[in-house]
């Protein structure tokens, strides 16, 4: 059974690119443009991994992650954060941060993202 990945980003173009590339790699995908849509997706079909933008209108990616980590049934879901605020140097030095999750700077390299996904959900 394919692993399920939820992509949460307020930029439709990023979602579109990620959905295509992840499906090419054999992942089942769903997407959300904001926190409300993300929670609806999570409740409908719990993902194996979430790719989560940090800076979004309304509720931020950090707040979504905190809510996930506080929920016993959802706290196990690994998260890859995407951030326009993060620099490539900071990405390398911080590595796995925010509760053991990964943060990648935008624009991200697809090969690096896919490598992290494979490490987090083999």
Foldseek 3Di string as FASTA:
>chain_A
DAFEEEEEALDVVVVVVVCVVVVVVVHHYDYYNDDVVVVVVCVVPNGQEYEAEQDHPDDGSLNSLVVQCVDPVRVLHAYEYEYCVADQVNQVVCAQDDSRHHYAYPVGDPVVVVVSVVVSPD
